[in-house]
Amino acid sequence: AEFHDARHERERRVLEQKLAQQAEEERQARIAQEKRDAYLRKRHEELDQFRQQQAEEEAKLRALQEQAAALQAEEAKRQRKRNAERVAARGEEYHRKKEASKRRLLALQEEMA
């Protein structure tokens, strides 16, 4: 009976040791999984932050491009206005010279008459 009890005790200790080892392996696996999860969360947060910064930079770029386009349109408008003023001034000068020529011609005609 003592032999049977000792054998039973040894089996119980081996079983407890196996259970303890299994519990430790599960604990280690859980810790490793938590570390992986934390790492992945951190990487996702960094990726989200990067995407946010990228979106902000793209918005700034679009605003600058729109501003540049508006300035170009404004400059083109000023250029067209200057060109129109130049054309109008040339037209006025042409008409003044034409009128002066007519007056000279009339004056010569009167002198000849």
C-alpha atoms as a PDB file:
ATOM      1  CA  ALA A   1       0.000   0.000   0.000  1.00  0.00           C
ATOM      2  CA  GLU A   2       2.899   2.326   0.792  1.00  0.00           C
ATOM      3  CA  PHE A   3       4.397   1.582  -2.621  1.00  0.00           C
ATOM      4  CA  HIS A   4       1.061   2.296  -4.219  1.00  0.00           C
ATOM      5  CA  ASP A   5       0.766   5.583  -2.272  1.00  0.00           C
ATOM      6  CA  ALA A   6       4.337   6.627  -3.176  1.00  0.00           C
ATOM      7  CA  ARG A   7       3.699   5.841  -6.855  1.00  0.00           C
ATOM      8  CA  HIS A   8       0.416   7.747  -6.697  1.00  0.00           C
ATOM      9  CA  GLU A   9       2.199  10.693  -5.050  1.00  0.00           C
ATOM     10  CA  ARG A  10       4.916  10.666  -7.747  1.00  0.00           C
ATOM     11  CA  GLU A  11       2.283  10.650 -10.505  1.00  0.00           C
ATOM     12  CA  ARG A  12       0.460  13.492  -8.770  1.00  0.00           C
ATOM     13  CA  ARG A  13       3.708  15.554  -8.557  1.00  0.00           C
ATOM     14  CA  VAL A  14       4.526  14.853 -12.229  1.00  0.00           C
ATOM     15  CA  LEU A  15       0.987  15.868 -13.187  1.00  0.00           C
ATOM     16  CA  GLU A  16       1.231  19.064 -11.069  1.00  0.00           C
ATOM     17  CA  GLN A  17       4.604  19.844 -12.656  1.00  0.00           C
ATOM     18  CA  LYS A  18       3.143  19.346 -16.140  1.00  0.00           C
ATOM     19  CA  LEU A  19       0.156  21.553 -15.246  1.00  0.00           C
ATOM     20  CA  ALA A  20       2.474  24.232 -13.827  1.00  0.00           C
ATOM     21  CA  GLN A  21       4.642  24.048 -16.945  1.00  0.00           C
ATOM     22  CA  GLN A  22       1.576  24.301 -19.179  1.00  0.00           C
ATOM     23  CA  ALA A  23       0.296  27.285 -17.173  1.00  0.00           C
ATOM     24  CA  GLU A  24       3.704  28.971 -17.493  1.00  0.00           C
ATOM     25  CA  GLU A  25       3.776  28.356 -21.263  1.00  0.00           C
ATOM     26  CA  GLU A  26       0.271  29.806 -21.575  1.00  0.00           C
ATOM     27  CA  ARG A  27       1.337  32.825 -19.494  1.00  0.00           C
ATOM     28  CA  GLN A  28       4.410  33.342 -21.719  1.00  0.00           C
ATOM     29  CA  ALA A  29       2.259  32.988 -24.855  1.00  0.00           C
ATOM     30  CA  ARG A  30      -0.245  35.512 -23.465  1.00  0.00           C
ATOM     31  CA  ILE A  31       2.565  37.977 -22.666  1.00  0.00           C
ATOM     32  CA  ALA A  32       4.013  37.547 -26.179  1.00  0.00           C
ATOM     33  CA  GLN A  33       0.551  38.081 -27.724  1.00  0.00           C
ATOM     34  CA  GLU A  34       0.011  41.215 -25.626  1.00  0.00           C
ATOM     35  CA  LYS A  35       3.388  42.548 -26.783  1.00  0.00           C
ATOM     36  CA  ARG A  36       2.479  41.842 -30.434  1.00  0.00           C
ATOM     37  CA  ASP A  37      -0.910  43.507 -29.956  1.00  0.00           C
ATOM     38  CA  ALA A  38       0.710  46.557 -28.331  1.00  0.00           C
ATOM     39  CA  TYR A  39       3.253  46.766 -31.149  1.00  0.00           C
ATOM     40  CA  LEU A  40       0.528  46.537 -33.786  1.00  0.00           C
ATOM     41  CA  ARG A  41      -1.580  49.185 -32.024  1.00  0.00           C
ATOM     42  CA  LYS A  42       1.441  51.476 -31.913  1.00  0.00           C
ATOM     43  CA  ARG A  43       2.172  50.917 -35.610  1.00  0.00           C
ATOM     44  CA  HIS A  44      -1.501  51.587 -36.488  1.00  0.00           C
ATOM     45  CA  GLU A  45      -1.417  54.807 -34.470  1.00  0.00           C
ATOM     46  CA  GLU A  46       1.768  55.876 -36.256  1.00  0.00           C
ATOM     47  CA  LEU A  47       0.205  55.052 -39.614  1.00  0.00           C
ATOM     48  CA  ASP A  48      -2.959  56.999 -38.747  1.00  0.00           C
ATOM     49  CA  GLN A  49      -0.824  59.945 -37.619  1.00  0.00           C
ATOM     50  CA  PHE A  50       1.203  59.787 -40.839  1.00  0.00           C
ATOM     51  CA  ARG A  51      -1.968  59.696 -42.929  1.00  0.00           C
ATOM     52  CA  GLN A  52      -3.350  62.659 -40.989  1.00  0.00           C
ATOM     53  CA  GLN A  53      -0.153  64.651 -41.580  1.00  0.00           C
ATOM     54  CA  GLN A  54      -0.192  63.675 -45.242  1.00  0.00           C
ATOM     55  CA  ALA A  55      -3.805  64.842 -45.588  1.00  0.00           C
ATOM     56  CA  GLU A  56      -2.923  68.150 -43.903  1.00  0.00           C
ATOM     57  CA  GLU A  57       0.080  68.647 -46.194  1.00  0.00           C
ATOM     58  CA  GLU A  58      -2.057  67.873 -49.249  1.00  0.00           C
ATOM     59  CA  ALA A  59      -4.673  70.381 -48.063  1.00  0.00           C
ATOM     60  CA  LYS A  60      -1.955  73.028 -47.626  1.00  0.00           C
ATOM     61  CA  LEU A  61      -0.607  72.236 -51.077  1.00  0.00           C
ATOM     62  CA  ARG A  62      -4.065  72.514 -52.649  1.00  0.00           C
ATOM     63  CA  ALA A  63      -4.606  75.861 -50.897  1.00  0.00           C
ATOM     64  CA  LEU A  64      -1.265  77.143 -52.201  1.00  0.00           C
ATOM     65  CA  GLN A  65      -2.063  75.913 -55.707  1.00  0.00           C
ATOM     66  CA  GLU A  66      -5.452  77.650 -55.598  1.00  0.00           C
ATOM     67  CA  GLN A  67      -3.789  80.830 -54.331  1.00  0.00           C
ATOM     68  CA  ALA A  68      -1.216  80.652 -57.138  1.00  0.00           C
ATOM     69  CA  ALA A  69      -3.955  80.105 -59.720  1.00  0.00           C
ATOM     70  CA  ALA A  70      -5.872  83.096 -58.361  1.00  0.00           C
ATOM     71  CA  LEU A  71      -2.752  85.272 -58.513  1.00  0.00           C
ATOM     72  CA  GLN A  72      -2.073  84.129 -62.079  1.00  0.00           C
ATOM     73  CA  ALA A  73      -5.662  84.896 -63.079  1.00  0.00           C
ATOM     74  CA  GLU A  74      -5.391  88.325 -61.450  1.00  0.00           C
ATOM     75  CA  GLU A  75      -2.109  89.024 -63.250  1.00  0.00           C
ATOM     76  CA  ALA A  76      -3.602  87.876 -66.574  1.00  0.00           C
ATOM     77  CA  LYS A  77      -6.560  90.217 -65.988  1.00  0.00           C
ATOM     78  CA  ARG A  78      -4.193  93.147 -65.273  1.00  0.00           C
ATOM     79  CA  GLN A  79      -2.184  92.280 -68.389  1.00  0.00           C
ATOM     80  CA  ARG A  80      -5.335  92.239 -70.546  1.00  0.00           C
ATOM     81  CA  LYS A  81      -6.378  95.603 -69.083  1.00  0.00           C
ATOM     82  CA  ARG A  82      -2.943  97.105 -69.831  1.00  0.00           C
ATOM     83  CA  ASN A  83      -3.076  95.720 -73.371  1.00  0.00           C
ATOM     84  CA  ALA A  84      -6.568  97.129 -73.895  1.00  0.00           C
ATOM     85  CA  GLU A  85      -5.427 100.538 -72.598  1.00  0.00           C
ATOM     86  CA  ARG A  86      -2.423 100.426 -74.955  1.00  0.00           C
ATOM     87  CA  VAL A  87      -4.663  99.562 -77.921  1.00  0.00           C
ATOM     88  CA  ALA A  88      -7.097 102.343 -76.973  1.00  0.00           C
ATOM     89  CA  ALA A  89      -4.255 104.845 -76.644  1.00  0.00           C
ATOM     90  CA  ARG A  90      -2.895 103.832 -80.080  1.00  0.00           C
ATOM     91  CA  GLY A  91      -6.398 104.212 -81.523  1.00  0.00           C
ATOM     92  CA  GLU A  92      -6.744 107.689 -80.039  1.00  0.00           C
ATOM     93  CA  GLU A  93      -3.310 108.690 -81.332  1.00  0.00           C
ATOM     94  CA  TYR A  94      -4.239 107.420 -84.806  1.00  0.00           C
ATOM     95  CA  HIS A  95      -7.490 109.429 -84.770  1.00  0.00           C
ATOM     96  CA  ARG A  96      -5.686 112.602 -83.587  1.00  0.00           C
ATOM     97  CA  LYS A  97      -3.123 112.269 -86.375  1.00  0.00           C
ATOM     98  CA  LYS A  98      -5.868 111.579 -88.893  1.00  0.00           C
ATOM     99  CA  GLU A  99      -7.810 114.695 -87.765  1.00  0.00           C
ATOM    100  CA  ALA A 100      -4.627 116.778 -87.839  1.00  0.00           C
ATOM    101  CA  SER A 101      -3.934 115.538 -91.376  1.00  0.00           C
ATOM    102  CA  LYS A 102      -7.483 116.451 -92.427  1.00  0.00           C
ATOM    103  CA  ARG A 103      -7.097 119.944 -90.968  1.00  0.00           C
ATOM    104  CA  ARG A 104      -3.750 120.442 -92.725  1.00  0.00           C
ATOM    105  CA  LEU A 105      -5.257 119.210 -95.956  1.00  0.00           C
ATOM    106  CA  LEU A 106      -8.225 121.573 -95.572  1.00  0.00           C
ATOM    107  CA  ALA A 107      -5.899 124.443 -94.727  1.00  0.00           C
ATOM    108  CA  LEU A 108      -3.799 123.722 -97.842  1.00  0.00           C
ATOM    109  CA  GLN A 109      -6.931 123.469 -99.950  1.00  0.00           C
ATOM    110  CA  GLU A 110      -8.127 126.834 -98.643  1.00  0.00           C
ATOM    111  CA  GLU A 111      -4.738 128.398 -99.374  1.00  0.00           C
ATOM    112  CA  MET A 112      -4.838 127.033-102.887  1.00  0.00           C
ATOM    113  CA  ALA A 113      -8.317 128.349-103.465  1.00  0.00           C
END
